[in-house]
Every structure is written in C-alpha cells, then in structure tokens.
Amino acid sequence: MPITFTIDSEQSKRLAFDLWCREKGIKKKDLADQLDVSPQRFSQILNGDYVSGAVFDQLQEIQIDGHRIPRELIPVPSSPKKLGRKTKEA
C-alpha cells in the first residue's frame, strides 16, 4: 500500500525520497551510478547541497525497473555555498 504524506521541508522531502526508494526496492547506490557520482556525492545532492540544473534534469530522467523518481522528491537546483572567510560589514 502506498504511503502518502505532505512534503513541507527539505528534511521531509529527503524522508519521502528514502521511503519511496525502499517501497520500490531501489538502492541509492544504483541511482548514484546512473548519475555517475559517488554515493557520498549523491547523499549531498539529496541533502540539498548544490544541485545544478543539469543534475536536476538527470534526476528527472533516471529510470530503474520502470520507476521514475517523482518530481516532488527531487531536490531543486540551488546555488553553490560560498566557501572561505566571512567578511565583516562596516
């Protein structure tokens, strides 16, 4: 029986994605392989750490055993986080 709930945050989106994978018997490692990224990088993508438009498009096209990732579970494209020292404003 399918699980239904409201996705209201990135954390609940990640949980929904994990449940969807489990329900379909899909391993995240297999999804990472299809994206040609390491499982660690795939986890970062799912956590919302810089998702480029290209990765977003690839995630929409992936199919495993005839299942396509529901669009509402895919992390939205985001800007890269700025690294380095914070500057003080005058």
PDB file of N, CA and C in Angstrom:
ATOM      1  N   MET A   1       0.836  -1.168   0.000  1.00  0.00           N
ATOM      2  CA  MET A   1       0.000   0.000   0.000  1.00  0.00           C
ATOM      3  C   MET A   1       0.890   1.244   0.000  1.00  0.00           C
ATOM      4  N   PRO A   2       0.659   2.192  -0.908  1.00  0.00           N
ATOM      5  CA  PRO A   2       1.493   3.401  -0.990  1.00  0.00           C
ATOM      6  C   PRO A   2       1.345   4.277   0.253  1.00  0.00           C
ATOM      7  N   ILE A   3       2.437   4.935   0.597  1.00  0.00           N
ATOM      8  CA  ILE A   3       2.454   5.853   1.734  1.00  0.00           C
ATOM      9  C   ILE A   3       2.222   7.256   1.189  1.00  0.00           C
ATOM     10  N   THR A   4       1.338   8.019   1.837  1.00  0.00           N
ATOM     11  CA  THR A   4       1.041   9.379   1.399  1.00  0.00           C
ATOM     12  C   THR A   4       1.229  10.334   2.571  1.00  0.00           C
ATOM     13  N   PHE A   5       1.957  11.442   2.336  1.00  0.00           N
ATOM     14  CA  PHE A   5       2.087  12.474   3.343  1.00  0.00           C
ATOM     15  C   PHE A   5       2.500  13.771   2.679  1.00  0.00           C
ATOM     16  N   THR A   6       2.414  14.863   3.419  1.00  0.00           N
ATOM     17  CA  THR A   6       2.725  16.187   2.898  1.00  0.00           C
ATOM     18  C   THR A   6       4.214  16.464   3.031  1.00  0.00           C
ATOM     19  N   ILE A   7       4.785  17.002   1.950  1.00  0.00           N
ATOM     20  CA  ILE A   7       6.205  17.360   1.960  1.00  0.00           C
ATOM     21  C   ILE A   7       6.282  18.867   2.178  1.00  0.00           C
ATOM     22  N   ASP A   8       6.741  19.274   3.377  1.00  0.00           N
ATOM     23  CA  ASP A   8       6.748  20.692   3.694  1.00  0.00           C
ATOM     24  C   ASP A   8       8.132  21.256   4.002  1.00  0.00           C
ATOM     25  N   SER A   9       9.168  20.431   3.868  1.00  0.00           N
ATOM     26  CA  SER A   9      10.522  20.914   4.100  1.00  0.00           C
ATOM     27  C   SER A   9      11.501  20.008   3.368  1.00  0.00           C
ATOM     28  N   GLU A  10      12.742  20.454   3.269  1.00  0.00           N
ATOM     29  CA  GLU A  10      13.766  19.627   2.617  1.00  0.00           C
ATOM     30  C   GLU A  10      13.984  18.329   3.397  1.00  0.00           C
ATOM     31  N   GLN A  11      13.876  18.409   4.725  1.00  0.00           N
ATOM     32  CA  GLN A  11      14.066  17.211   5.537  1.00  0.00           C
ATOM     33  C   GLN A  11      12.957  16.200   5.259  1.00  0.00           C
ATOM     34  N   SER A  12      11.710  16.659   5.166  1.00  0.00           N
ATOM     35  CA  SER A  12      10.624  15.723   4.889  1.00  0.00           C
ATOM     36  C   SER A  12      10.705  15.223   3.448  1.00  0.00           C
ATOM     37  N   LYS A  13      11.260  16.054   2.552  1.00  0.00           N
ATOM     38  CA  LYS A  13      11.454  15.611   1.163  1.00  0.00           C
ATOM     39  C   LYS A  13      12.465  14.468   1.130  1.00  0.00           C
ATOM     40  N   ARG A  14      13.526  14.592   1.911  1.00  0.00           N
ATOM     41  CA  ARG A  14      14.544  13.529   1.971  1.00  0.00           C
ATOM     42  C   ARG A  14      13.942  12.248   2.541  1.00  0.00           C
ATOM     43  N   LEU A  15      13.146  12.377   3.602  1.00  0.00           N
ATOM     44  CA  LEU A  15      12.494  11.218   4.199  1.00  0.00           C
ATOM     45  C   LEU A  15      11.548  10.565   3.185  1.00  0.00           C
ATOM     46  N   ALA A  16      10.792  11.382   2.479  1.00  0.00           N
ATOM     47  CA  ALA A  16       9.870  10.854   1.470  1.00  0.00           C
ATOM     48  C   ALA A  16      10.638  10.127   0.372  1.00  0.00           C
ATOM     49  N   PHE A  17      11.783  10.675  -0.030  1.00  0.00           N
ATOM     50  CA  PHE A  17      12.607  10.033  -1.049  1.00  0.00           C
ATOM     51  C   PHE A  17      13.110   8.680  -0.553  1.00  0.00           C
ATOM     52  N   ASP A  18      13.592   8.646   0.695  1.00  0.00           N
ATOM     53  CA  ASP A  18      14.086   7.394   1.278  1.00  0.00           C
ATOM     54  C   ASP A  18      12.976   6.341   1.322  1.00  0.00           C
ATOM     55  N   LEU A  19      11.790   6.749   1.730  1.00  0.00           N
ATOM     56  CA  LEU A  19      10.661   5.819   1.790  1.00  0.00           C
ATOM     57  C   LEU A  19      10.253   5.340   0.399  1.00  0.00           C
ATOM     58  N   TRP A  20      10.277   6.252  -0.563  1.00  0.00           N
ATOM     59  CA  TRP A  20       9.929   5.889  -1.943  1.00  0.00           C
ATOM     60  C   TRP A  20      10.914   4.845  -2.471  1.00  0.00           C
ATOM     61  N   CYS A  21      12.214   5.063  -2.239  1.00  0.00           N
ATOM     62  CA  CYS A  21      13.227   4.095  -2.679  1.00  0.00           C
ATOM     63  C   CYS A  21      12.998   2.737  -2.026  1.00  0.00           C
ATOM     64  N   ARG A  22      12.737   2.745  -0.738  1.00  0.00           N
ATOM     65  CA  ARG A  22      12.519   1.493  -0.016  1.00  0.00           C
ATOM     66  C   ARG A  22      11.287   0.769  -0.564  1.00  0.00           C
ATOM     67  N   GLU A  23      10.216   1.523  -0.789  1.00  0.00           N
ATOM     68  CA  GLU A  23       8.969   0.931  -1.299  1.00  0.00           C
ATOM     69  C   GLU A  23       9.169   0.290  -2.675  1.00  0.00           C
ATOM     70  N   LYS A  24      10.004   0.926  -3.522  1.00  0.00           N
ATOM     71  CA  LYS A  24      10.240   0.434  -4.884  1.00  0.00           C
ATOM     72  C   LYS A  24      11.401  -0.556  -4.951  1.00  0.00           C
ATOM     73  N   GLY A  25      12.112  -0.732  -3.832  1.00  0.00           N
ATOM     74  CA  GLY A  25      13.257  -1.642  -3.824  1.00  0.00           C
ATOM     75  C   GLY A  25      14.448  -1.093  -4.593  1.00  0.00           C
ATOM     76  N   ILE A  26      14.576   0.227  -4.609  1.00  0.00           N
ATOM     77  CA  ILE A  26      15.650   0.896  -5.350  1.00  0.00           C
ATOM     78  C   ILE A  26      16.756   1.289  -4.380  1.00  0.00           C
ATOM     79  N   LYS A  27      17.987   0.966  -4.742  1.00  0.00           N
ATOM     80  CA  LYS A  27      19.136   1.326  -3.921  1.00  0.00           C
ATOM     81  C   LYS A  27      19.672   2.672  -4.391  1.00  0.00           C
ATOM     82  N   LYS A  28      19.997   3.534  -3.428  1.00  0.00           N
ATOM     83  CA  LYS A  28      20.537   4.852  -3.782  1.00  0.00           C
ATOM     84  C   LYS A  28      21.880   4.727  -4.494  1.00  0.00           C
ATOM     85  N   LYS A  29      22.601   3.651  -4.219  1.00  0.00           N
ATOM     86  CA  LYS A  29      23.869   3.422  -4.916  1.00  0.00           C
ATOM     87  C   LYS A  29      23.613   3.259  -6.413  1.00  0.00           C
ATOM     88  N   ASP A  30      22.535   2.570  -6.784  1.00  0.00           N
ATOM     89  CA  ASP A  30      22.200   2.406  -8.195  1.00  0.00           C
ATOM     90  C   ASP A  30      21.851   3.748  -8.845  1.00  0.00           C
ATOM     91  N   LEU A  31      21.164   4.599  -8.101  1.00  0.00           N
ATOM     92  CA  LEU A  31      20.851   5.935  -8.624  1.00  0.00           C
ATOM     93  C   LEU A  31      22.134   6.749  -8.782  1.00  0.00           C
ATOM     94  N   ALA A  32      23.034   6.659  -7.805  1.00  0.00           N
ATOM     95  CA  ALA A  32      24.317   7.368  -7.887  1.00  0.00           C
ATOM     96  C   ALA A  32      25.097   6.887  -9.106  1.00  0.00           C
ATOM     97  N   ASP A  33      25.095   5.583  -9.349  1.00  0.00           N
ATOM     98  CA  ASP A  33      25.803   5.038 -10.518  1.00  0.00           C
ATOM     99  C   ASP A  33      25.227   5.603 -11.818  1.00  0.00           C
ATOM    100  N   GLN A  34      23.911   5.733 -11.887  1.00  0.00           N
ATOM    101  CA  GLN A  34      23.298   6.272 -13.104  1.00  0.00           C
ATOM    102  C   GLN A  34      23.655   7.738 -13.311  1.00  0.00           C
ATOM    103  N   LEU A  35      23.855   8.464 -12.222  1.00  0.00           N
ATOM    104  CA  LEU A  35      24.264   9.871 -12.323  1.00  0.00           C
ATOM    105  C   LEU A  35      25.770  10.012 -12.512  1.00  0.00           C
ATOM    106  N   ASP A  36      26.482   8.900 -12.368  1.00  0.00           N
ATOM    107  CA  ASP A  36      27.938   8.883 -12.459  1.00  0.00           C
ATOM    108  C   ASP A  36      28.575   9.753 -11.368  1.00  0.00           C
ATOM    109  N   VAL A  37      28.028   9.607 -10.135  1.00  0.00           N
ATOM    110  CA  VAL A  37      28.600  10.288  -8.970  1.00  0.00           C
ATOM    111  C   VAL A  37      28.793   9.240  -7.872  1.00  0.00           C
ATOM    112  N   SER A  38      29.608   9.577  -6.901  1.00  0.00           N
ATOM    113  CA  SER A  38      29.829   8.661  -5.780  1.00  0.00           C
ATOM    114  C   SER A  38      28.574   8.635  -4.905  1.00  0.00           C
ATOM    115  N   PRO A  39      28.401   7.565  -4.127  1.00  0.00           N
ATOM    116  CA  PRO A  39      27.270   7.538  -3.196  1.00  0.00           C
ATOM    117  C   PRO A  39      27.303   8.713  -2.212  1.00  0.00           C
ATOM    118  N   GLN A  40      28.511   9.145  -1.829  1.00  0.00           N
ATOM    119  CA  GLN A  40      28.631  10.281  -0.917  1.00  0.00           C
ATOM    120  C   GLN A  40      28.118  11.561  -1.577  1.00  0.00           C
ATOM    121  N   ARG A  41      28.492  11.777  -2.836  1.00  0.00           N
ATOM    122  CA  ARG A  41      28.025  12.976  -3.549  1.00  0.00           C
ATOM    123  C   ARG A  41      26.513  12.908  -3.748  1.00  0.00           C
ATOM    124  N   PHE A  42      25.992  11.717  -4.026  1.00  0.00           N
ATOM    125  CA  PHE A  42      24.555  11.567  -4.202  1.00  0.00           C
ATOM    126  C   PHE A  42      23.823  11.938  -2.914  1.00  0.00           C
ATOM    127  N   SER A  43      24.377  11.538  -1.778  1.00  0.00           N
ATOM    128  CA  SER A  43      23.792  11.903  -0.491  1.00  0.00           C
ATOM    129  C   SER A  43      23.795  13.415  -0.306  1.00  0.00           C
ATOM    130  N   GLN A  44      24.880  14.069  -0.694  1.00  0.00           N
ATOM    131  CA  GLN A  44      24.947  15.534  -0.610  1.00  0.00           C
ATOM    132  C   GLN A  44      23.871  16.171  -1.486  1.00  0.00           C
ATOM    133  N   ILE A  45      23.683  15.616  -2.678  1.00  0.00           N
ATOM    134  CA  ILE A  45      22.651  16.128  -3.588  1.00  0.00           C
ATOM    135  C   ILE A  45      21.280  16.015  -2.930  1.00  0.00           C
ATOM    136  N   LEU A  46      21.004  14.855  -2.337  1.00  0.00           N
ATOM    137  CA  LEU A  46      19.709  14.649  -1.682  1.00  0.00           C
ATOM    138  C   LEU A  46      19.521  15.581  -0.494  1.00  0.00           C
ATOM    139  N   ASN A  47      20.620  15.955   0.146  1.00  0.00           N
ATOM    140  CA  ASN A  47      20.548  16.883   1.282  1.00  0.00           C
ATOM    141  C   ASN A  47      20.417  18.335   0.826  1.00  0.00           C
ATOM    142  N   GLY A  48      20.436  18.563  -0.470  1.00  0.00           N
ATOM    143  CA  GLY A  48      20.271  19.914  -1.000  1.00  0.00           C
ATOM    144  C   GLY A  48      21.561  20.684  -1.145  1.00  0.00           C
ATOM    145  N   ASP A  49      22.712  20.029  -0.995  1.00  0.00           N
ATOM    146  CA  ASP A  49      23.995  20.702  -1.190  1.00  0.00           C
ATOM    147  C   ASP A  49      24.227  20.882  -2.682  1.00  0.00           C
ATOM    148  N   TYR A  50      24.244  22.093  -3.126  1.00  0.00           N
ATOM    149  CA  TYR A  50      24.413  22.481  -4.527  1.00  0.00           C
ATOM    150  C   TYR A  50      23.962  21.436  -5.553  1.00  0.00           C
ATOM    151  N   VAL A  51      22.790  21.661  -6.045  1.00  0.00           N
ATOM    152  CA  VAL A  51      22.228  20.826  -7.102  1.00  0.00           C
ATOM    153  C   VAL A  51      22.155  21.688  -8.351  1.00  0.00           C
ATOM    154  N   SER A  52      22.958  21.339  -9.360  1.00  0.00           N
ATOM    155  CA  SER A  52      22.948  22.123 -10.595  1.00  0.00           C
ATOM    156  C   SER A  52      21.713  21.772 -11.410  1.00  0.00           C
ATOM    157  N   GLY A  53      21.398  22.641 -12.355  1.00  0.00           N
ATOM    158  CA  GLY A  53      20.272  22.381 -13.249  1.00  0.00           C
ATOM    159  C   GLY A  53      20.467  21.093 -14.025  1.00  0.00           C
ATOM    160  N   ALA A  54      21.712  20.783 -14.385  1.00  0.00           N
ATOM    161  CA  ALA A  54      21.997  19.561 -15.155  1.00  0.00           C
ATOM    162  C   ALA A  54      21.692  18.319 -14.319  1.00  0.00           C
ATOM    163  N   VAL A  55      22.086  18.327 -13.050  1.00  0.00           N
ATOM    164  CA  VAL A  55      21.815  17.194 -12.171  1.00  0.00           C
ATOM    165  C   VAL A  55      20.311  17.060 -11.959  1.00  0.00           C
ATOM    166  N   PHE A  56      19.630  18.188 -11.783  1.00  0.00           N
ATOM    167  CA  PHE A  56      18.171  18.197 -11.632  1.00  0.00           C
ATOM    168  C   PHE A  56      17.518  17.533 -12.847  1.00  0.00           C
ATOM    169  N   ASP A  57      17.969  17.901 -14.040  1.00  0.00           N
ATOM    170  CA  ASP A  57      17.426  17.307 -15.266  1.00  0.00           C
ATOM    171  C   ASP A  57      17.706  15.809 -15.337  1.00  0.00           C
ATOM    172  N   GLN A  58      18.923  15.408 -14.964  1.00  0.00           N
ATOM    173  CA  GLN A  58      19.283  13.986 -14.989  1.00  0.00           C
ATOM    174  C   GLN A  58      18.421  13.184 -14.019  1.00  0.00           C
ATOM    175  N   LEU A  59      18.183  13.735 -12.829  1.00  0.00           N
ATOM    176  CA  LEU A  59      17.373  13.035 -11.844  1.00  0.00           C
ATOM    177  C   LEU A  59      15.950  12.801 -12.355  1.00  0.00           C
ATOM    178  N   GLN A  60      15.444  13.744 -13.138  1.00  0.00           N
ATOM    179  CA  GLN A  60      14.094  13.598 -13.687  1.00  0.00           C
ATOM    180  C   GLN A  60      14.016  12.504 -14.747  1.00  0.00           C
ATOM    181  N   GLU A  61      15.140  12.197 -15.376  1.00  0.00           N
ATOM    182  CA  GLU A  61      15.152  11.225 -16.471  1.00  0.00           C
ATOM    183  C   GLU A  61      15.513   9.807 -16.033  1.00  0.00           C
ATOM    184  N   ILE A  62      16.081   9.641 -14.843  1.00  0.00           N
ATOM    185  CA  ILE A  62      16.512   8.316 -14.384  1.00  0.00           C
ATOM    186  C   ILE A  62      15.312   7.386 -14.245  1.00  0.00           C
ATOM    187  N   GLN A  63      15.503   6.171 -14.722  1.00  0.00           N
ATOM    188  CA  GLN A  63      14.506   5.116 -14.525  1.00  0.00           C
ATOM    189  C   GLN A  63      15.214   3.856 -14.051  1.00  0.00           C
ATOM    190  N   ILE A  64      14.671   3.254 -13.013  1.00  0.00           N
ATOM    191  CA  ILE A  64      15.176   1.967 -12.538  1.00  0.00           C
ATOM    192  C   ILE A  64      13.982   1.040 -12.418  1.00  0.00           C
ATOM    193  N   ASP A  65      14.077  -0.083 -13.083  1.00  0.00           N
ATOM    194  CA  ASP A  65      12.986  -1.058 -13.089  1.00  0.00           C
ATOM    195  C   ASP A  65      11.651  -0.417 -13.466  1.00  0.00           C
ATOM    196  N   GLY A  66      11.703   0.519 -14.396  1.00  0.00           N
ATOM    197  CA  GLY A  66      10.481   1.167 -14.863  1.00  0.00           C
ATOM    198  C   GLY A  66       9.944   2.257 -13.954  1.00  0.00           C
ATOM    199  N   HIS A  67      10.670   2.572 -12.888  1.00  0.00           N
ATOM    200  CA  HIS A  67      10.223   3.607 -11.956  1.00  0.00           C
ATOM    201  C   HIS A  67      11.026   4.877 -12.178  1.00  0.00           C
ATOM    202  N   ARG A  68      10.338   5.980 -12.292  1.00  0.00           N
ATOM    203  CA  ARG A  68      10.965   7.292 -12.406  1.00  0.00           C
ATOM    204  C   ARG A  68      10.759   8.025 -11.083  1.00  0.00           C
ATOM    205  N   ILE A  69      11.772   8.743 -10.619  1.00  0.00           N
ATOM    206  CA  ILE A  69      11.684   9.476  -9.354  1.00  0.00           C
ATOM    207  C   ILE A  69      10.584  10.535  -9.470  1.00  0.00           C
ATOM    208  N   PRO A  70       9.645  10.561  -8.529  1.00  0.00           N
ATOM    209  CA  PRO A  70       8.618  11.607  -8.565  1.00  0.00           C
ATOM    210  C   PRO A  70       9.259  12.993  -8.478  1.00  0.00           C
ATOM    211  N   ARG A  71       8.813  13.884  -9.323  1.00  0.00           N
ATOM    212  CA  ARG A  71       9.411  15.221  -9.407  1.00  0.00           C
ATOM    213  C   ARG A  71       9.427  15.941  -8.057  1.00  0.00           C
ATOM    214  N   GLU A  72       8.371  15.753  -7.258  1.00  0.00           N
ATOM    215  CA  GLU A  72       8.303  16.470  -5.982  1.00  0.00           C
ATOM    216  C   GLU A  72       9.334  15.977  -4.966  1.00  0.00           C
ATOM    217  N   LEU A  73       9.995  14.854  -5.254  1.00  0.00           N
ATOM    218  CA  LEU A  73      11.021  14.334  -4.346  1.00  0.00           C
ATOM    219  C   LEU A  73      12.434  14.733  -4.771  1.00  0.00           C
ATOM    220  N   ILE A  74      12.567  15.348  -5.935  1.00  0.00           N
ATOM    221  CA  ILE A  74      13.888  15.724  -6.452  1.00  0.00           C
ATOM    222  C   ILE A  74      14.300  17.067  -5.862  1.00  0.00           C
ATOM    223  N   PRO A  75      15.527  17.163  -5.324  1.00  0.00           N
ATOM    224  CA  PRO A  75      15.998  18.447  -4.795  1.00  0.00           C
ATOM    225  C   PRO A  75      16.032  19.493  -5.907  1.00  0.00           C
ATOM    226  N   VAL A  76      15.609  20.702  -5.588  1.00  0.00           N
ATOM    227  CA  VAL A  76      15.587  21.768  -6.581  1.00  0.00           C
ATOM    228  C   VAL A  76      16.993  22.325  -6.798  1.00  0.00           C
ATOM    229  N   PRO A  77      17.266  22.844  -8.009  1.00  0.00           N
ATOM    230  CA  PRO A  77      18.584  23.437  -8.250  1.00  0.00           C
ATOM    231  C   PRO A  77      18.855  24.544  -7.235  1.00  0.00           C
ATOM    232  N   SER A  78      20.101  24.610  -6.779  1.00  0.00           N
ATOM    233  CA  SER A  78      20.479  25.621  -5.795  1.00  0.00           C
ATOM    234  C   SER A  78      21.829  26.208  -6.145  1.00  0.00           C
ATOM    235  N   SER A  79      22.117  27.346  -5.555  1.00  0.00           N
ATOM    236  CA  SER A  79      23.407  27.992  -5.770  1.00  0.00           C
ATOM    237  C   SER A  79      24.470  27.321  -4.927  1.00  0.00           C
ATOM    238  N   PRO A  80      25.718  27.319  -5.419  1.00  0.00           N
ATOM    239  CA  PRO A  80      26.790  26.755  -4.594  1.00  0.00           C
ATOM    240  C   PRO A  80      26.969  27.581  -3.334  1.00  0.00           C
ATOM    241  N   LYS A  81      27.310  26.904  -2.244  1.00  0.00           N
ATOM    242  CA  LYS A  81      27.563  27.608  -0.992  1.00  0.00           C
ATOM    243  C   LYS A  81      28.913  28.293  -1.088  1.00  0.00           C
ATOM    244  N   LYS A  82      28.964  29.519  -0.590  1.00  0.00           N
ATOM    245  CA  LYS A  82      30.220  30.260  -0.615  1.00  0.00           C
ATOM    246  C   LYS A  82      31.137  29.711   0.458  1.00  0.00           C
ATOM    247  N   LEU A  83      32.355  29.448   0.055  1.00  0.00           N
ATOM    248  CA  LEU A  83      33.355  28.947   0.986  1.00  0.00           C
ATOM    249  C   LEU A  83      34.330  30.058   1.326  1.00  0.00           C
ATOM    250  N   GLY A  84      35.014  29.900   2.399  1.00  0.00           N
ATOM    251  CA  GLY A  84      36.035  30.889   2.762  1.00  0.00           C
ATOM    252  C   GLY A  84      35.601  31.724   3.946  1.00  0.00           C
ATOM    253  N   ARG A  85      36.375  32.745   4.199  1.00  0.00           N
ATOM    254  CA  ARG A  85      36.149  33.581   5.356  1.00  0.00           C
ATOM    255  C   ARG A  85      34.983  34.514   5.132  1.00  0.00           C
ATOM    256  N   LYS A  86      34.280  34.755   6.210  1.00  0.00           N
ATOM    257  CA  LYS A  86      33.197  35.733   6.166  1.00  0.00           C
ATOM    258  C   LYS A  86      33.822  37.110   6.335  1.00  0.00           C
ATOM    259  N   THR A  87      33.326  38.071   5.582  1.00  0.00           N
ATOM    260  CA  THR A  87      33.832  39.429   5.713  1.00  0.00           C
ATOM    261  C   THR A  87      32.922  40.219   6.647  1.00  0.00           C
ATOM    262  N   LYS A  88      33.528  41.110   7.407  1.00  0.00           N
ATOM    263  CA  LYS A  88      32.763  41.964   8.294  1.00  0.00           C
ATOM    264  C   LYS A  88      32.248  43.169   7.523  1.00  0.00           C
ATOM    265  N   GLU A  89      30.971  43.497   7.786  1.00  0.00           N
ATOM    266  CA  GLU A  89      30.418  44.685   7.141  1.00  0.00           C
ATOM    267  C   GLU A  89      30.739  45.901   8.000  1.00  0.00           C
ATOM    268  N   ALA A  90      31.065  47.001   7.340  1.00  0.00           N
ATOM    269  CA  ALA A  90      31.462  48.209   8.070  1.00  0.00           C
ATOM    270  C   ALA A  90      30.292  48.938   8.638  1.00  0.00           C
TER     271      ALA A  90
END
